[in-house]
Amino acid sequence: MRRKINGTIFQESLGTANRKMAEKQLAVRTEELKAPTSSPINCAPTPPTLEEVCEKFLAGNAGNKPGTIKNYLWVIKGLKASFAKFRAPINSIVASDLKLYFGSLKHLKPRSHNDAALIVGQIFESAVADQYIPRNTLRAVPKLRRRVPKSKDRIPTFEEFEGLIADIRSKQFADTREVSADFINFYGRAAVGEAEASQLDWSHVDCVVSPQQLDKRDG
């Protein structure tokens, strides 16, 4: 049969050579094609779990440096071990879930905690890019980052300083070992930093006048 119904041409076999039978089948088939279709079924795929998003994230970043990959694996291992919704659909995870998880990481030092938060944020950003979620859920977690305390520079003792000079002078295959040792020795004995010492030349040194004067410099 060949029929045009609602602007669409249908062509198919009725499976019989009997004219009367064919006319009956044609009438029935025509009514079927004219009938409104049922409500469309939502065939949208189920959003992936966080575990699946992590796997895809790792695959997409496989070309990064080994140290970076190691950090990714460390963070994902922690999620797998401690995050209750690791195997739940990623669109079911809310900010309070992530806040609870990061609140449990008190054993981590601030820098490690911040590194973990950064990587988890990257994982959720990848889910946004793939349109699994409308926005990065982690961004809604308040006060996520921890303050990293600044470490003070350790000043060596005089004995340690002398040992450092002796070690530089003992470098067998270093052509500049004597000059380097003298320069470091000057650093320590004159109590100056690299910014001040690097600006000096012999015109600034007066072996008659004592004490010598140096201008303070930054950077």
Foldseek 3Di string as FASTA:
>chain_A
DWDQEPNRIDDDDPPDPDPVVSVVSVVVVVVVVNDDDDDDDPPDDQAFFLLVLLVVVCVVPVPDDPVVSVLSVVLLVLCVVQQPRRRPRPQVDAQVSVLVSLVVVPVDAQVNQVSSLVSLQVSQVVCCVVVSYVDRRPVPHPPRHDDHDDDDDDDDDPVVLVVVLVVLCPPPPDPCSVVVSVLSVCCVVVVADPVFSVPDDPVQDDPVDPDGDTDDDDD
